[in-house]
Amino acid sequence: MFTGIIETTGFITDIISTGTNKTFWVASPISANLKVDQSVAHSGVCLTVEKVANGKHQLTAIEETLQKTNLNTWNTGTIVNIERCLAINGRLDGHIVQGHVDAVASCLQVADKDGSWEFTFSFNPQFASLVIEKGSIAINGTSLTVFNVTSNTFTVAIIPYTYEHTNIHQVTAGTMVNIEFDMIGKYVARLYEVRQL
């Protein structure tokens, strides 16, 4: 379980393809502190640490993960957001994030507001019921609040700290990002769906 409050960023140093899997080596300020078999969110995707060596850690994404996230767009040098799981005695500063990406969204535009930024994204309208005005969403693992919601678009406002300390500053028009909808909203939508059967 995560909170969507990014601890640090890292970057991809090596990518190895084996069959339908991709193995990534990531260098970050906390890599040396990670442990094998630890679950860590990388740009919103919960992945298992397989090895730790020389200030880097290794993880592997299987075909299912590669198909449903933007990991196939990662290249050597790609910056990724990193968050370790929530300690049981920790504060939930963002919102409940599972690290299970629901879909990808495409950035439509970035507006510089002279002190903040507004990013507008388009997403598959099949998920329209899960995006509500002033609700929570995780974009590349970052907990954010949405506004200007339509059936297939939403906007988020980014403060300078978030812009500088996550990979959102690399997002431009056309960039694909990982999105995870609010878990509570998903349960409510599923309950409603089942009751209609």
N, C-alpha and C. Protein backbone atom coordinates (compact mmCIF):
# COMPACT_ATOMS: atom_id res chain seq x y z
N MET A 1 0.84 -1.19 0.00
CA MET A 1 0.00 0.00 0.00
C MET A 1 0.88 1.25 0.00
N PHE A 2 0.49 2.23 -0.81
CA PHE A 2 1.26 3.45 -0.95
C PHE A 2 0.36 4.66 -0.69
N THR A 3 0.95 5.85 -0.70
CA THR A 3 0.18 7.06 -0.43
C THR A 3 0.18 8.05 -1.58
N GLY A 4 1.04 7.81 -2.58
CA GLY A 4 1.13 8.76 -3.69
C GLY A 4 2.01 9.95 -3.39
N ILE A 5 2.75 9.89 -2.28
CA ILE A 5 3.71 10.94 -1.94
C ILE A 5 5.10 10.42 -2.34
N ILE A 6 5.63 10.94 -3.42
CA ILE A 6 6.87 10.43 -3.98
C ILE A 6 8.06 10.73 -3.07
N GLU A 7 8.86 9.69 -2.79
CA GLU A 7 10.03 9.86 -1.92
C GLU A 7 11.20 10.47 -2.66
N THR A 8 11.42 9.97 -3.86
CA THR A 8 12.57 10.40 -4.65
C THR A 8 12.35 9.97 -6.09
N THR A 9 13.28 10.34 -6.94
CA THR A 9 13.25 9.85 -8.32
C THR A 9 14.52 9.07 -8.59
N GLY A 10 14.47 8.22 -9.59
CA GLY A 10 15.63 7.48 -10.03
C GLY A 10 15.64 7.50 -11.55
N PHE A 11 16.61 6.85 -12.13
CA PHE A 11 16.62 6.78 -13.59
C PHE A 11 17.04 5.39 -14.05
N ILE A 12 16.55 5.02 -15.21
CA ILE A 12 16.83 3.70 -15.77
C ILE A 12 18.25 3.69 -16.32
N THR A 13 19.05 2.70 -15.88
CA THR A 13 20.43 2.60 -16.36
C THR A 13 20.59 1.49 -17.40
N ASP A 14 19.80 0.43 -17.26
CA ASP A 14 19.89 -0.71 -18.19
C ASP A 14 18.53 -1.35 -18.36
N ILE A 15 18.29 -1.87 -19.56
CA ILE A 15 17.05 -2.60 -19.85
C ILE A 15 17.42 -3.90 -20.55
N ILE A 16 16.90 -5.01 -20.03
CA ILE A 16 17.19 -6.32 -20.60
C ILE A 16 15.87 -6.99 -20.95
N SER A 17 15.68 -7.38 -22.20
CA SER A 17 14.48 -8.08 -22.63
C SER A 17 14.74 -9.58 -22.62
N THR A 18 13.84 -10.32 -21.98
CA THR A 18 13.93 -11.78 -21.93
C THR A 18 12.56 -12.35 -22.21
N GLY A 19 12.37 -12.90 -23.38
CA GLY A 19 11.04 -13.37 -23.78
C GLY A 19 10.09 -12.19 -23.83
N THR A 20 8.97 -12.28 -23.11
CA THR A 20 8.00 -11.18 -23.09
C THR A 20 8.22 -10.25 -21.88
N ASN A 21 9.25 -10.52 -21.10
CA ASN A 21 9.54 -9.70 -19.91
C ASN A 21 10.59 -8.63 -20.21
N LYS A 22 10.60 -7.60 -19.38
CA LYS A 22 11.66 -6.60 -19.42
C LYS A 22 12.20 -6.42 -18.01
N THR A 23 13.51 -6.47 -17.89
CA THR A 23 14.18 -6.24 -16.62
C THR A 23 14.83 -4.87 -16.65
N PHE A 24 14.61 -4.10 -15.60
CA PHE A 24 15.14 -2.73 -15.51
C PHE A 24 16.09 -2.62 -14.33
N TRP A 25 17.22 -1.93 -14.56
CA TRP A 25 18.08 -1.52 -13.47
C TRP A 25 17.84 -0.04 -13.24
N VAL A 26 17.60 0.32 -11.97
CA VAL A 26 17.28 1.71 -11.61
C VAL A 26 18.30 2.21 -10.60
N ALA A 27 18.84 3.40 -10.87
CA ALA A 27 19.74 4.05 -9.92
C ALA A 27 18.98 5.16 -9.22
N SER A 28 19.04 5.18 -7.89
CA SER A 28 18.33 6.21 -7.12
C SER A 28 19.04 6.43 -5.80
N PRO A 29 18.72 7.54 -5.12
CA PRO A 29 19.34 7.81 -3.81
C PRO A 29 19.01 6.77 -2.74
N ILE A 30 17.92 6.01 -2.93
CA ILE A 30 17.54 5.03 -1.90
C ILE A 30 17.78 3.59 -2.34
N SER A 31 18.34 3.38 -3.53
CA SER A 31 18.54 2.01 -4.03
C SER A 31 19.32 1.14 -3.05
N ALA A 32 20.40 1.70 -2.49
CA ALA A 32 21.25 0.92 -1.59
C ALA A 32 20.51 0.50 -0.32
N ASN A 33 19.44 1.20 0.03
CA ASN A 33 18.67 0.89 1.24
C ASN A 33 17.55 -0.11 1.00
N LEU A 34 17.31 -0.44 -0.25
CA LEU A 34 16.23 -1.37 -0.56
C LEU A 34 16.67 -2.81 -0.30
N LYS A 35 15.69 -3.69 -0.14
CA LYS A 35 15.97 -5.09 0.12
C LYS A 35 15.31 -5.96 -0.93
N VAL A 36 15.95 -7.07 -1.22
CA VAL A 36 15.39 -8.03 -2.17
C VAL A 36 14.03 -8.49 -1.68
N ASP A 37 13.06 -8.57 -2.58
CA ASP A 37 11.69 -8.99 -2.32
C ASP A 37 10.83 -7.87 -1.76
N GLN A 38 11.36 -6.65 -1.70
CA GLN A 38 10.60 -5.49 -1.23
C GLN A 38 9.73 -4.96 -2.37
N SER A 39 8.51 -4.54 -2.05
CA SER A 39 7.62 -3.95 -3.03
C SER A 39 7.83 -2.44 -3.05
N VAL A 40 8.11 -1.90 -4.22
CA VAL A 40 8.37 -0.48 -4.38
C VAL A 40 7.60 0.02 -5.59
N ALA A 41 6.96 1.18 -5.47
CA ALA A 41 6.23 1.76 -6.59
C ALA A 41 7.19 2.56 -7.46
N HIS A 42 7.16 2.27 -8.75
CA HIS A 42 7.97 2.98 -9.74
C HIS A 42 7.03 3.64 -10.72
N SER A 43 6.92 4.96 -10.64
CA SER A 43 5.96 5.72 -11.45
C SER A 43 4.57 5.10 -11.37
N GLY A 44 4.22 4.70 -10.14
CA GLY A 44 2.89 4.19 -9.87
C GLY A 44 2.72 2.70 -10.03
N VAL A 45 3.74 2.00 -10.47
CA VAL A 45 3.65 0.56 -10.69
C VAL A 45 4.38 -0.17 -9.57
N CYS A 46 3.66 -1.00 -8.84
CA CYS A 46 4.27 -1.77 -7.75
C CYS A 46 5.09 -2.90 -8.34
N LEU A 47 6.40 -2.88 -8.10
CA LEU A 47 7.30 -3.89 -8.63
C LEU A 47 8.19 -4.42 -7.51
N THR A 48 8.65 -5.65 -7.66
CA THR A 48 9.45 -6.31 -6.63
C THR A 48 10.93 -6.12 -6.90
N VAL A 49 11.65 -5.70 -5.88
CA VAL A 49 13.10 -5.56 -5.98
C VAL A 49 13.72 -6.95 -6.04
N GLU A 50 14.52 -7.21 -7.08
CA GLU A 50 15.12 -8.54 -7.28
C GLU A 50 16.59 -8.58 -6.87
N LYS A 51 17.28 -7.48 -7.10
CA LYS A 51 18.70 -7.40 -6.75
C LYS A 51 19.02 -5.96 -6.36
N VAL A 52 20.04 -5.82 -5.52
CA VAL A 52 20.56 -4.49 -5.16
C VAL A 52 22.08 -4.56 -5.27
N ALA A 53 22.65 -3.64 -6.05
CA ALA A 53 24.10 -3.65 -6.22
C ALA A 53 24.58 -2.31 -6.77
N ASN A 54 25.68 -1.81 -6.23
CA ASN A 54 26.34 -0.62 -6.76
C ASN A 54 25.42 0.59 -6.88
N GLY A 55 24.60 0.80 -5.85
CA GLY A 55 23.72 1.95 -5.86
C GLY A 55 22.56 1.85 -6.83
N LYS A 56 22.26 0.63 -7.27
CA LYS A 56 21.16 0.40 -8.21
C LYS A 56 20.33 -0.78 -7.73
N HIS A 57 19.11 -0.87 -8.22
CA HIS A 57 18.29 -2.04 -7.93
C HIS A 57 17.63 -2.54 -9.21
N GLN A 58 17.33 -3.82 -9.20
CA GLN A 58 16.77 -4.49 -10.38
C GLN A 58 15.33 -4.90 -10.15
N LEU A 59 14.50 -4.78 -11.19
CA LEU A 59 13.13 -5.25 -11.14
C LEU A 59 12.70 -5.71 -12.53
N THR A 60 11.71 -6.58 -12.55
CA THR A 60 11.24 -7.14 -13.82
C THR A 60 9.75 -6.91 -13.98
N ALA A 61 9.36 -6.50 -15.18
CA ALA A 61 7.94 -6.33 -15.53
C ALA A 61 7.56 -7.42 -16.51
N ILE A 62 6.45 -8.11 -16.22
CA ILE A 62 5.97 -9.16 -17.12
C ILE A 62 5.06 -8.55 -18.18
N GLU A 63 4.66 -9.37 -19.13
CA GLU A 63 3.88 -8.89 -20.27
C GLU A 63 2.61 -8.15 -19.86
N GLU A 64 1.89 -8.68 -18.88
CA GLU A 64 0.65 -8.05 -18.41
C GLU A 64 0.91 -6.61 -17.96
N THR A 65 1.99 -6.41 -17.19
CA THR A 65 2.34 -5.07 -16.71
C THR A 65 2.75 -4.17 -17.86
N LEU A 66 3.52 -4.70 -18.79
CA LEU A 66 3.99 -3.91 -19.92
C LEU A 66 2.84 -3.44 -20.81
N GLN A 67 1.79 -4.28 -20.91
CA GLN A 67 0.65 -3.94 -21.75
C GLN A 67 -0.25 -2.88 -21.13
N LYS A 68 -0.34 -2.84 -19.80
CA LYS A 68 -1.30 -1.96 -19.14
C LYS A 68 -0.69 -0.67 -18.59
N THR A 69 0.61 -0.51 -18.73
CA THR A 69 1.29 0.67 -18.20
C THR A 69 2.13 1.33 -19.29
N ASN A 70 2.88 2.34 -18.90
CA ASN A 70 3.76 3.00 -19.87
C ASN A 70 5.20 2.48 -19.79
N LEU A 71 5.41 1.34 -19.13
CA LEU A 71 6.77 0.83 -18.97
C LEU A 71 7.44 0.50 -20.31
N ASN A 72 6.64 0.21 -21.33
CA ASN A 72 7.22 -0.07 -22.65
C ASN A 72 7.85 1.17 -23.26
N THR A 73 7.53 2.35 -22.72
CA THR A 73 8.11 3.59 -23.24
C THR A 73 9.38 3.98 -22.49
N TRP A 74 9.69 3.24 -21.41
CA TRP A 74 10.90 3.55 -20.65
C TRP A 74 12.14 3.23 -21.47
N ASN A 75 13.10 4.13 -21.42
CA ASN A 75 14.39 3.96 -22.09
C ASN A 75 15.49 4.22 -21.08
N THR A 76 16.72 3.93 -21.46
CA THR A 76 17.85 4.28 -20.61
C THR A 76 17.84 5.80 -20.39
N GLY A 77 17.89 6.20 -19.14
CA GLY A 77 17.84 7.62 -18.81
C GLY A 77 16.47 8.12 -18.38
N THR A 78 15.41 7.33 -18.62
CA THR A 78 14.07 7.72 -18.20
C THR A 78 14.02 7.92 -16.69
N ILE A 79 13.46 9.04 -16.26
CA ILE A 79 13.32 9.32 -14.83
C ILE A 79 12.02 8.69 -14.32
N VAL A 80 12.09 8.00 -13.20
CA VAL A 80 10.90 7.36 -12.62
C VAL A 80 10.70 7.85 -11.19
N ASN A 81 9.43 7.98 -10.81
CA ASN A 81 9.08 8.32 -9.43
C ASN A 81 9.18 7.08 -8.56
N ILE A 82 9.69 7.23 -7.35
CA ILE A 82 9.87 6.08 -6.47
C ILE A 82 9.23 6.35 -5.11
N GLU A 83 8.46 5.37 -4.65
CA GLU A 83 7.87 5.42 -3.32
C GLU A 83 7.90 4.04 -2.70
N ARG A 84 8.44 3.95 -1.49
CA ARG A 84 8.36 2.70 -0.75
C ARG A 84 6.98 2.58 -0.11
N CYS A 85 6.61 1.36 0.27
CA CYS A 85 5.27 1.14 0.83
C CYS A 85 5.10 1.88 2.15
N LEU A 86 3.85 2.14 2.50
CA LEU A 86 3.49 2.86 3.71
C LEU A 86 3.79 2.02 4.95
N ALA A 87 4.52 2.59 5.89
CA ALA A 87 4.74 1.92 7.17
C ALA A 87 3.42 1.96 7.95
N ILE A 88 3.14 0.93 8.72
CA ILE A 88 1.85 0.81 9.40
C ILE A 88 1.62 1.97 10.38
N ASN A 89 2.70 2.60 10.85
CA ASN A 89 2.56 3.73 11.77
C ASN A 89 2.76 5.07 11.07
N GLY A 90 2.73 5.05 9.74
CA GLY A 90 2.97 6.28 8.98
C GLY A 90 1.70 7.07 8.74
N ARG A 91 1.87 8.30 8.24
CA ARG A 91 0.74 9.16 7.92
C ARG A 91 0.33 8.95 6.47
N LEU A 92 -0.95 9.01 6.23
CA LEU A 92 -1.49 8.90 4.87
C LEU A 92 -1.62 10.32 4.32
N ASP A 93 -0.51 10.86 3.85
CA ASP A 93 -0.50 12.25 3.41
C ASP A 93 -1.20 12.45 2.06
N GLY A 94 -1.21 11.43 1.22
CA GLY A 94 -1.87 11.55 -0.07
C GLY A 94 -3.24 10.88 -0.02
N HIS A 95 -3.37 9.75 -0.73
CA HIS A 95 -4.57 8.93 -0.62
C HIS A 95 -4.16 7.47 -0.76
N ILE A 96 -5.06 6.54 -0.59
CA ILE A 96 -4.72 5.13 -0.65
C ILE A 96 -4.41 4.75 -2.09
N VAL A 97 -3.17 4.34 -2.33
CA VAL A 97 -2.71 3.95 -3.67
C VAL A 97 -2.18 2.51 -3.58
N GLN A 98 -2.64 1.66 -4.47
CA GLN A 98 -2.23 0.26 -4.43
C GLN A 98 -0.98 -0.04 -5.26
N GLY A 99 -0.68 0.82 -6.20
CA GLY A 99 0.42 0.52 -7.12
C GLY A 99 -0.03 -0.40 -8.23
N HIS A 100 -1.35 -0.51 -8.42
CA HIS A 100 -1.93 -1.33 -9.48
C HIS A 100 -2.52 -0.38 -10.52
N VAL A 101 -1.77 -0.12 -11.56
CA VAL A 101 -2.17 0.85 -12.57
C VAL A 101 -3.41 0.35 -13.31
N ASP A 102 -4.40 1.24 -13.45
CA ASP A 102 -5.64 0.88 -14.14
C ASP A 102 -5.56 1.09 -15.64
N ALA A 103 -4.84 2.12 -16.05
CA ALA A 103 -4.80 2.47 -17.46
C ALA A 103 -3.70 3.50 -17.68
N VAL A 104 -3.53 3.89 -18.93
CA VAL A 104 -2.63 5.00 -19.24
C VAL A 104 -3.49 6.16 -19.74
N ALA A 105 -2.97 7.36 -19.56
CA ALA A 105 -3.64 8.56 -20.06
C ALA A 105 -2.63 9.34 -20.89
N SER A 106 -3.14 10.13 -21.81
CA SER A 106 -2.28 10.92 -22.69
C SER A 106 -2.37 12.40 -22.31
N CYS A 107 -1.23 13.06 -22.19
CA CYS A 107 -1.23 14.49 -21.90
C CYS A 107 -1.68 15.26 -23.14
N LEU A 108 -2.68 16.09 -22.96
CA LEU A 108 -3.18 16.91 -24.06
C LEU A 108 -2.47 18.25 -24.12
N GLN A 109 -2.25 18.86 -22.96
CA GLN A 109 -1.57 20.15 -22.93
C GLN A 109 -1.04 20.45 -21.55
N VAL A 110 -0.04 21.33 -21.53
CA VAL A 110 0.54 21.81 -20.28
C VAL A 110 0.45 23.33 -20.32
N ALA A 111 -0.17 23.91 -19.29
CA ALA A 111 -0.32 25.36 -19.21
C ALA A 111 0.53 25.91 -18.07
N ASP A 112 1.45 26.81 -18.40
CA ASP A 112 2.29 27.46 -17.40
C ASP A 112 1.51 28.60 -16.78
N LYS A 113 1.26 28.52 -15.48
CA LYS A 113 0.45 29.51 -14.77
C LYS A 113 1.31 30.49 -13.97
N ASP A 114 2.56 30.64 -14.34
CA ASP A 114 3.46 31.59 -13.70
C ASP A 114 3.53 31.36 -12.19
N GLY A 115 3.96 30.17 -11.82
CA GLY A 115 4.06 29.81 -10.41
C GLY A 115 3.50 28.42 -10.15
N SER A 116 2.74 27.92 -11.08
CA SER A 116 2.22 26.56 -11.03
C SER A 116 1.98 26.12 -12.47
N TRP A 117 1.58 24.88 -12.62
CA TRP A 117 1.31 24.33 -13.96
C TRP A 117 0.01 23.55 -13.92
N GLU A 118 -0.71 23.59 -15.03
CA GLU A 118 -1.92 22.77 -15.18
C GLU A 118 -1.70 21.79 -16.34
N PHE A 119 -1.89 20.51 -16.03
CA PHE A 119 -1.74 19.44 -17.02
C PHE A 119 -3.12 18.86 -17.31
N THR A 120 -3.48 18.78 -18.56
CA THR A 120 -4.75 18.19 -18.96
C THR A 120 -4.48 16.86 -19.65
N PHE A 121 -5.22 15.84 -19.25
CA PHE A 121 -5.03 14.49 -19.77
C PHE A 121 -6.32 13.95 -20.36
N SER A 122 -6.19 13.08 -21.34
CA SER A 122 -7.34 12.35 -21.86
C SER A 122 -7.20 10.89 -21.45
N PHE A 123 -8.33 10.25 -21.19
CA PHE A 123 -8.33 8.86 -20.77
C PHE A 123 -9.50 8.13 -21.41
N ASN A 124 -9.49 6.81 -21.31
CA ASN A 124 -10.55 6.00 -21.90
C ASN A 124 -11.88 6.30 -21.19
N PRO A 125 -12.92 6.71 -21.94
CA PRO A 125 -14.19 7.07 -21.30
C PRO A 125 -14.87 5.92 -20.56
N GLN A 126 -14.40 4.69 -20.74
CA GLN A 126 -14.99 3.58 -19.99
C GLN A 126 -14.76 3.76 -18.49
N PHE A 127 -13.79 4.61 -18.13
CA PHE A 127 -13.48 4.86 -16.72
C PHE A 127 -14.10 6.16 -16.21
N ALA A 128 -15.00 6.75 -16.97
CA ALA A 128 -15.55 8.07 -16.62
C ALA A 128 -16.16 8.12 -15.22
N SER A 129 -16.79 7.05 -14.79
CA SER A 129 -17.45 7.06 -13.48
C SER A 129 -16.46 7.07 -12.32
N LEU A 130 -15.19 6.82 -12.60
CA LEU A 130 -14.18 6.76 -11.54
C LEU A 130 -13.43 8.06 -11.35
N VAL A 131 -13.74 9.06 -12.18
CA VAL A 131 -13.06 10.35 -12.08
C VAL A 131 -14.09 11.40 -11.70
N ILE A 132 -13.94 11.98 -10.50
CA ILE A 132 -14.92 12.96 -10.04
C ILE A 132 -14.23 14.30 -9.74
N GLU A 133 -14.99 15.36 -9.87
CA GLU A 133 -14.47 16.70 -9.59
C GLU A 133 -13.93 16.78 -8.17
N LYS A 134 -12.70 17.24 -8.03
CA LYS A 134 -11.99 17.36 -6.75
C LYS A 134 -11.69 16.01 -6.11
N GLY A 135 -11.74 14.96 -6.92
CA GLY A 135 -11.39 13.64 -6.42
C GLY A 135 -9.90 13.37 -6.56
N SER A 136 -9.46 12.24 -6.04
CA SER A 136 -8.04 11.88 -6.08
C SER A 136 -7.73 10.94 -7.24
N ILE A 137 -6.52 11.08 -7.76
CA ILE A 137 -6.02 10.18 -8.79
C ILE A 137 -4.52 10.09 -8.62
N ALA A 138 -3.93 8.97 -9.01
CA ALA A 138 -2.47 8.83 -8.98
C ALA A 138 -1.97 8.87 -10.41
N ILE A 139 -1.09 9.82 -10.70
CA ILE A 139 -0.47 9.95 -12.02
C ILE A 139 1.01 9.65 -11.86
N ASN A 140 1.46 8.60 -12.53
CA ASN A 140 2.84 8.12 -12.35
C ASN A 140 3.15 7.96 -10.87
N GLY A 141 2.12 7.53 -10.12
CA GLY A 141 2.29 7.26 -8.69
C GLY A 141 2.13 8.45 -7.78
N THR A 142 1.92 9.64 -8.35
CA THR A 142 1.80 10.85 -7.55
C THR A 142 0.34 11.15 -7.24
N SER A 143 0.01 11.32 -5.97
CA SER A 143 -1.36 11.62 -5.56
C SER A 143 -1.70 13.06 -5.93
N LEU A 144 -2.75 13.22 -6.75
CA LEU A 144 -3.15 14.54 -7.22
C LEU A 144 -4.66 14.69 -7.18
N THR A 145 -5.13 15.93 -7.20
CA THR A 145 -6.56 16.23 -7.20
C THR A 145 -6.97 16.68 -8.60
N VAL A 146 -8.07 16.13 -9.10
CA VAL A 146 -8.52 16.45 -10.46
C VAL A 146 -9.61 17.52 -10.45
N PHE A 147 -9.67 18.29 -11.54
CA PHE A 147 -10.75 19.25 -11.73
C PHE A 147 -11.00 19.39 -13.23
N ASN A 148 -12.00 20.19 -13.60
CA ASN A 148 -12.41 20.31 -15.01
C ASN A 148 -12.62 18.93 -15.64
N VAL A 149 -13.35 18.09 -14.93
CA VAL A 149 -13.56 16.71 -15.36
C VAL A 149 -14.64 16.63 -16.43
N THR A 150 -14.34 15.88 -17.51
CA THR A 150 -15.35 15.57 -18.53
C THR A 150 -15.43 14.05 -18.63
N SER A 151 -16.12 13.55 -19.63
CA SER A 151 -16.27 12.11 -19.77
C SER A 151 -14.96 11.43 -20.16
N ASN A 152 -14.00 12.18 -20.66
CA ASN A 152 -12.74 11.55 -21.05
C ASN A 152 -11.50 12.44 -20.84
N THR A 153 -11.64 13.53 -20.07
CA THR A 153 -10.49 14.38 -19.77
C THR A 153 -10.56 14.87 -18.33
N PHE A 154 -9.42 15.26 -17.83
CA PHE A 154 -9.36 15.90 -16.51
C PHE A 154 -8.08 16.74 -16.48
N THR A 155 -8.04 17.66 -15.52
CA THR A 155 -6.88 18.52 -15.34
C THR A 155 -6.39 18.42 -13.91
N VAL A 156 -5.08 18.55 -13.74
CA VAL A 156 -4.49 18.59 -12.41
C VAL A 156 -3.58 19.82 -12.33
N ALA A 157 -3.50 20.40 -11.15
CA ALA A 157 -2.62 21.55 -10.92
C ALA A 157 -1.38 21.07 -10.17
N ILE A 158 -0.23 21.54 -10.60
CA ILE A 158 1.05 21.10 -10.03
C ILE A 158 1.77 22.28 -9.38
N ILE A 159 2.11 22.12 -8.11
CA ILE A 159 2.87 23.15 -7.40
C ILE A 159 4.36 22.99 -7.71
N PRO A 160 5.16 24.03 -7.48
CA PRO A 160 6.58 23.95 -7.81
C PRO A 160 7.31 22.77 -7.18
N TYR A 161 7.03 22.45 -5.90
CA TYR A 161 7.73 21.35 -5.25
C TYR A 161 7.51 20.04 -6.00
N THR A 162 6.25 19.75 -6.33
CA THR A 162 5.93 18.52 -7.05
C THR A 162 6.56 18.53 -8.44
N TYR A 163 6.53 19.68 -9.09
CA TYR A 163 7.10 19.81 -10.43
C TYR A 163 8.60 19.49 -10.41
N GLU A 164 9.29 19.93 -9.37
CA GLU A 164 10.73 19.75 -9.29
C GLU A 164 11.15 18.38 -8.76
N HIS A 165 10.32 17.76 -7.92
CA HIS A 165 10.73 16.54 -7.22
C HIS A 165 10.08 15.27 -7.74
N THR A 166 9.36 15.34 -8.84
CA THR A 166 8.81 14.15 -9.49
C THR A 166 9.13 14.22 -10.98
N ASN A 167 8.70 13.23 -11.72
CA ASN A 167 8.98 13.26 -13.16
C ASN A 167 7.90 13.98 -13.96
N ILE A 168 6.98 14.69 -13.30
CA ILE A 168 5.94 15.42 -14.01
C ILE A 168 6.53 16.50 -14.91
N HIS A 169 7.71 17.00 -14.56
CA HIS A 169 8.33 18.04 -15.38
C HIS A 169 8.76 17.52 -16.75
N GLN A 170 8.80 16.20 -16.91
CA GLN A 170 9.14 15.62 -18.21
C GLN A 170 7.92 15.37 -19.08
N VAL A 171 6.74 15.56 -18.51
CA VAL A 171 5.51 15.29 -19.26
C VAL A 171 5.18 16.48 -20.16
N THR A 172 4.98 16.18 -21.44
CA THR A 172 4.59 17.19 -22.42
C THR A 172 3.41 16.64 -23.21
N ALA A 173 2.84 17.44 -24.09
CA ALA A 173 1.71 16.98 -24.91
C ALA A 173 2.12 15.70 -25.66
N GLY A 174 1.29 14.67 -25.51
CA GLY A 174 1.56 13.39 -26.16
C GLY A 174 2.19 12.35 -25.25
N THR A 175 2.71 12.78 -24.09
CA THR A 175 3.32 11.83 -23.15
C THR A 175 2.25 10.93 -22.54
N MET A 176 2.55 9.64 -22.48
CA MET A 176 1.65 8.68 -21.83
C MET A 176 2.06 8.51 -20.38
N VAL A 177 1.09 8.58 -19.47
CA VAL A 177 1.36 8.42 -18.04
C VAL A 177 0.51 7.29 -17.48
N ASN A 178 0.98 6.72 -16.38
CA ASN A 178 0.23 5.69 -15.67
C ASN A 178 -0.80 6.35 -14.77
N ILE A 179 -2.01 5.84 -14.77
CA ILE A 179 -3.03 6.36 -13.86
C ILE A 179 -3.66 5.23 -13.05
N GLU A 180 -3.88 5.53 -11.78
CA GLU A 180 -4.61 4.63 -10.89
C GLU A 180 -5.74 5.42 -10.28
N PHE A 181 -6.96 4.93 -10.47
CA PHE A 181 -8.12 5.61 -9.93
C PHE A 181 -8.27 5.31 -8.45
N ASP A 182 -9.02 6.15 -7.76
CA ASP A 182 -9.22 6.00 -6.32
C ASP A 182 -9.86 4.65 -6.01
N MET A 183 -9.25 3.91 -5.09
CA MET A 183 -9.70 2.56 -4.78
C MET A 183 -11.12 2.54 -4.22
N ILE A 184 -11.46 3.50 -3.39
CA ILE A 184 -12.81 3.54 -2.82
C ILE A 184 -13.84 3.72 -3.94
N GLY A 185 -13.53 4.60 -4.88
CA GLY A 185 -14.42 4.81 -6.02
C GLY A 185 -14.60 3.54 -6.83
N LYS A 186 -13.54 2.77 -6.97
CA LYS A 186 -13.63 1.52 -7.74
C LYS A 186 -14.53 0.51 -7.05
N TYR A 187 -14.45 0.45 -5.72
CA TYR A 187 -15.31 -0.48 -4.98
C TYR A 187 -16.78 -0.06 -5.08
N VAL A 188 -17.04 1.23 -4.98
CA VAL A 188 -18.41 1.72 -5.09
C VAL A 188 -18.97 1.43 -6.48
N ALA A 189 -18.16 1.68 -7.52
CA ALA A 189 -18.61 1.43 -8.89
C ALA A 189 -18.89 -0.05 -9.10
N ARG A 190 -18.05 -0.91 -8.54
CA ARG A 190 -18.24 -2.36 -8.68
C ARG A 190 -19.49 -2.82 -7.95
N LEU A 191 -19.72 -2.28 -6.75
CA LEU A 191 -20.92 -2.64 -6.00
C LEU A 191 -22.18 -2.26 -6.78
N TYR A 192 -22.19 -1.08 -7.36
CA TYR A 192 -23.33 -0.62 -8.15
C TYR A 192 -23.53 -1.53 -9.36
N GLU A 193 -22.41 -1.90 -10.01
CA GLU A 193 -22.47 -2.76 -11.19
C GLU A 193 -23.08 -4.12 -10.84
N VAL A 194 -22.65 -4.70 -9.73
CA VAL A 194 -23.14 -6.02 -9.31
C VAL A 194 -24.62 -5.96 -8.97
N ARG A 195 -25.05 -4.88 -8.34
CA ARG A 195 -26.47 -4.75 -7.95
C ARG A 195 -27.38 -4.59 -9.16
N GLN A 196 -26.82 -4.20 -10.30
CA GLN A 196 -27.62 -4.04 -11.51
C GLN A 196 -27.81 -5.36 -12.25
N LEU A 197 -27.05 -6.42 -11.84
CA LEU A 197 -27.14 -7.73 -12.52
C LEU A 197 -28.44 -8.45 -12.18
